[in-house]
Amino acid sequence: RLGSGGNRCIVLFDELEDLFPRLEFGAVRSKAHKGWVCEALERARMPTIWTSNSVSGIDPAIPRRFSFMLEVDVPPLSARRRLLDRVLAGTAVGEPWCERVARLDCLTPAMTMEIARLAASLSLCRPELEAALDRWLEQRLKAMHRQPLPPPGEQRRFRCDLLNIDPPAERLIVGLGQAREGRLCLHGPPGTGKTS
């Protein structure tokens, strides 16, 4: 109906996964939403952008009906650092704090903008402002079930002996050093040490 009037517009359908309820033990997924989404994708008369936090639980019939799919991931460390530096310029936040926070592999642009808004709204000097931002981040990380923010000055030491991989990490490192090239794909659940 939106496209029938000839209006030049784009539709944004946010949170596609909300159309598909999570399966509980013994539950059967409803096919009603799947049919509606398939029809909407096939009969769209105008450009439509769909967003989803995850496509892993969505029926495979849905993704194959899209003209284009693009994964938007958390920016790499260098981009996270540049964004923090830019949005916190002019605040009392110091470079060591930005470096420590940029190392959070879950730091999204949205979180960065929230940090900037909070920093701008607080009239605090450096130690108090950074402590307040740390408390805010700690609560956010806890709610996201992520590792806590390391304390200022603490360097996280990575221990190869804690990895559960085959071959052992030490042999892999030696082999890569000898070969001087390699392409690795690390996969596994969150928190298992892939990024580290």
Protein backbone atom coordinates (compact mmCIF):
# COMPACT_ATOMS: atom_id res chain seq x y z
CA ARG A 1 0.00 0.00 0.00
CA LEU A 2 2.83 2.40 0.77
CA GLY A 3 4.24 2.05 -2.74
CA SER A 4 0.97 2.18 -4.64
CA GLY A 5 0.72 5.99 -4.74
CA GLY A 6 3.84 6.41 -6.81
CA ASN A 7 5.64 8.21 -3.98
CA ARG A 8 9.40 8.09 -4.20
CA CYS A 9 10.39 6.65 -0.85
CA ILE A 10 12.34 3.91 0.86
CA VAL A 11 10.90 1.69 3.58
CA LEU A 12 13.01 0.63 6.55
CA PHE A 13 11.80 -2.50 8.34
CA ASP A 14 13.81 -2.73 11.56
CA GLU A 15 14.41 -5.89 13.65
CA LEU A 16 13.36 -8.59 11.18
CA GLU A 17 14.00 -11.28 13.78
CA ASP A 18 11.10 -9.95 15.89
CA LEU A 19 8.69 -11.44 13.34
CA PHE A 20 9.91 -14.90 14.23
CA PRO A 21 9.39 -15.88 17.87
CA ARG A 22 12.18 -17.80 19.53
CA LEU A 23 11.57 -21.53 19.72
CA GLU A 24 11.06 -22.90 23.21
CA PHE A 25 11.43 -26.56 24.10
CA GLY A 26 8.84 -28.58 22.19
CA ALA A 27 7.33 -25.51 20.51
CA VAL A 28 6.48 -25.36 16.81
CA ARG A 29 7.38 -22.22 14.85
CA SER A 30 4.44 -20.43 13.28
CA LYS A 31 4.54 -20.30 9.47
CA ALA A 32 2.21 -17.26 9.28
CA HIS A 33 4.99 -14.66 9.57
CA LYS A 34 7.24 -16.52 7.13
CA GLY A 35 4.56 -16.42 4.43
CA TRP A 36 3.90 -12.73 4.98
CA VAL A 37 7.61 -11.84 4.84
CA CYS A 38 8.19 -13.92 1.69
CA GLU A 39 5.26 -12.23 0.00
CA ALA A 40 6.41 -8.77 1.12
CA LEU A 41 9.88 -9.42 -0.28
CA GLU A 42 8.64 -10.75 -3.60
CA ARG A 43 5.98 -8.09 -4.21
CA ALA A 44 7.77 -5.00 -2.91
CA ARG A 45 7.13 -2.03 -5.20
CA MET A 46 9.74 0.19 -3.64
CA PRO A 47 13.23 -0.17 -2.19
CA THR A 48 12.99 -1.75 1.25
CA ILE A 49 15.81 -2.09 3.73
CA TRP A 50 15.43 -4.79 6.37
CA THR A 51 17.65 -4.94 9.44
CA SER A 52 18.27 -7.82 11.80
CA ASN A 53 20.60 -8.44 14.72
CA SER A 54 20.95 -12.03 13.58
CA VAL A 55 19.78 -14.10 10.64
CA SER A 56 20.80 -17.40 12.22
CA GLY A 57 17.30 -18.27 13.50
CA ILE A 58 15.45 -17.15 10.39
CA ASP A 59 14.11 -19.71 7.93
CA PRO A 60 16.51 -20.06 4.93
CA ALA A 61 13.63 -19.21 2.58
CA ILE A 62 13.79 -15.59 3.80
CA PRO A 63 17.46 -14.64 3.17
CA ARG A 64 17.47 -16.07 -0.36
CA ARG A 65 14.68 -13.63 -1.35
CA PHE A 66 16.79 -10.55 -0.65
CA SER A 67 18.51 -8.83 -3.56
CA PHE A 68 21.54 -8.07 -1.40
CA MET A 69 22.72 -8.98 2.09
CA LEU A 70 25.44 -7.16 4.00
CA GLU A 71 26.85 -7.98 7.43
CA VAL A 72 27.62 -4.87 9.49
CA ASP A 73 30.15 -5.86 12.13
CA VAL A 74 31.77 -4.07 15.06
CA PRO A 75 34.53 -1.81 13.67
CA PRO A 76 38.16 -2.92 14.04
CA LEU A 77 40.33 -1.57 16.86
CA SER A 78 41.84 1.25 14.78
CA ALA A 79 38.39 2.52 13.73
CA ARG A 80 37.04 2.26 17.30
CA ARG A 81 39.99 4.35 18.52
CA ARG A 82 39.54 7.02 15.81
CA LEU A 83 35.83 7.28 16.58
CA LEU A 84 36.45 7.62 20.33
CA ASP A 85 39.11 10.28 19.73
CA ARG A 86 36.77 12.23 17.46
CA VAL A 87 33.63 12.16 19.63
CA LEU A 88 35.50 12.79 22.89
CA ALA A 89 37.61 15.68 21.58
CA GLY A 90 37.14 18.66 23.86
CA THR A 91 36.15 16.58 26.88
CA ALA A 92 38.30 15.84 29.92
CA VAL A 93 38.77 12.20 28.87
CA GLY A 94 42.44 11.28 28.48
CA GLU A 95 44.25 9.29 25.81
CA PRO A 96 45.01 6.28 28.08
CA TRP A 97 41.29 5.94 28.86
CA CYS A 98 40.40 6.01 25.15
CA GLU A 99 43.08 3.42 24.37
CA ARG A 100 41.79 1.08 27.09
CA VAL A 101 38.14 1.40 26.06
CA ALA A 102 38.88 1.08 22.33
CA ARG A 103 40.23 -2.40 23.07
CA LEU A 104 36.72 -3.59 23.95
CA ASP A 105 35.83 -5.83 21.03
CA CYS A 106 32.12 -5.16 21.61
CA LEU A 107 32.43 -1.34 21.38
CA THR A 108 29.88 -0.39 18.74
CA PRO A 109 29.42 3.08 17.21
CA ALA A 110 26.14 3.38 19.16
CA MET A 111 27.94 2.70 22.47
CA THR A 112 30.62 5.21 21.49
CA MET A 113 28.00 7.89 20.86
CA GLU A 114 26.38 7.14 24.24
CA ILE A 115 29.79 7.56 25.91
CA ALA A 116 30.22 10.91 24.13
CA ARG A 117 26.75 12.13 25.19
CA LEU A 118 27.40 11.11 28.78
CA ALA A 119 30.86 12.73 28.81
CA ALA A 120 29.45 15.98 27.40
CA SER A 121 26.61 16.07 29.93
CA LEU A 122 28.83 15.64 33.01
CA SER A 123 30.75 18.62 34.31
CA LEU A 124 33.58 16.65 35.85
CA CYS A 125 37.36 16.81 35.71
CA ARG A 126 39.38 13.94 34.22
CA PRO A 127 39.59 11.42 37.08
CA GLU A 128 35.95 11.79 38.11
CA LEU A 129 34.69 11.79 34.51
CA GLU A 130 36.66 8.70 33.56
CA ALA A 131 35.50 6.94 36.74
CA ALA A 132 31.86 7.81 35.93
CA LEU A 133 32.27 6.53 32.36
CA ASP A 134 33.90 3.36 33.71
CA ARG A 135 30.88 2.73 35.96
CA TRP A 136 28.50 3.27 33.04
CA LEU A 137 30.54 0.91 30.86
CA GLU A 138 30.75 -1.73 33.60
CA GLN A 139 26.95 -1.83 33.85
CA ARG A 140 26.57 -1.98 30.07
CA LEU A 141 29.13 -4.79 29.75
CA LYS A 142 27.49 -6.71 32.58
CA ALA A 143 24.07 -6.43 30.90
CA MET A 144 25.64 -7.66 27.64
CA HIS A 145 27.27 -10.63 29.45
CA ARG A 146 30.73 -9.40 28.42
CA GLN A 147 34.08 -9.40 30.20
CA PRO A 148 34.44 -6.48 32.63
CA LEU A 149 36.48 -3.45 31.64
CA PRO A 150 40.09 -3.93 32.75
CA PRO A 151 41.15 -1.45 35.45
CA PRO A 152 43.27 1.53 34.36
CA GLY A 153 46.89 0.58 33.77
CA GLU A 154 46.18 -3.16 33.74
CA GLN A 155 47.42 -4.99 30.69
CA ARG A 156 45.55 -8.20 29.98
CA ARG A 157 48.11 -10.91 29.42
CA PHE A 158 47.08 -13.56 26.99
CA ARG A 159 47.89 -17.14 27.96
CA CYS A 160 48.22 -19.62 25.11
CA ASP A 161 48.09 -22.50 27.59
CA LEU A 162 44.41 -21.73 28.28
CA LEU A 163 43.38 -22.26 24.66
CA ASN A 164 41.56 -25.48 23.83
CA ILE A 165 42.81 -25.94 20.27
CA ASP A 166 44.43 -28.70 18.25
CA PRO A 167 47.29 -28.44 17.41
CA PRO A 168 48.51 -26.67 20.56
CA ALA A 169 48.96 -22.90 20.15
CA GLU A 170 52.73 -23.03 20.64
CA ARG A 171 53.15 -25.49 17.72
CA LEU A 172 50.84 -23.39 15.56
CA ILE A 173 52.82 -20.21 16.30
CA VAL A 174 56.13 -21.94 15.50
CA GLY A 175 54.67 -23.35 12.26
CA LEU A 176 53.33 -19.97 11.15
CA GLY A 177 56.71 -18.41 11.94
CA GLN A 178 58.48 -20.97 9.76
CA ALA A 179 55.96 -20.76 6.90
CA ARG A 180 55.82 -16.94 7.16
CA GLU A 181 52.24 -17.00 5.86
CA GLY A 182 48.88 -18.46 6.76
CA ARG A 183 45.15 -17.96 6.67
CA LEU A 184 43.34 -18.94 9.85
CA CYS A 185 39.62 -19.15 10.54
CA LEU A 186 38.89 -19.20 14.26
CA HIS A 187 35.35 -20.22 15.15
CA GLY A 188 33.52 -21.00 18.34
CA PRO A 189 31.14 -19.50 20.90
CA PRO A 190 31.63 -15.96 22.28
CA GLY A 191 34.16 -15.65 25.09
CA THR A 192 36.36 -18.58 24.03
CA GLY A 193 39.36 -16.38 23.12
CA LYS A 194 39.05 -16.04 19.34
CA THR A 195 39.79 -12.31 19.26
CA SER A 196 42.59 -12.51 21.81
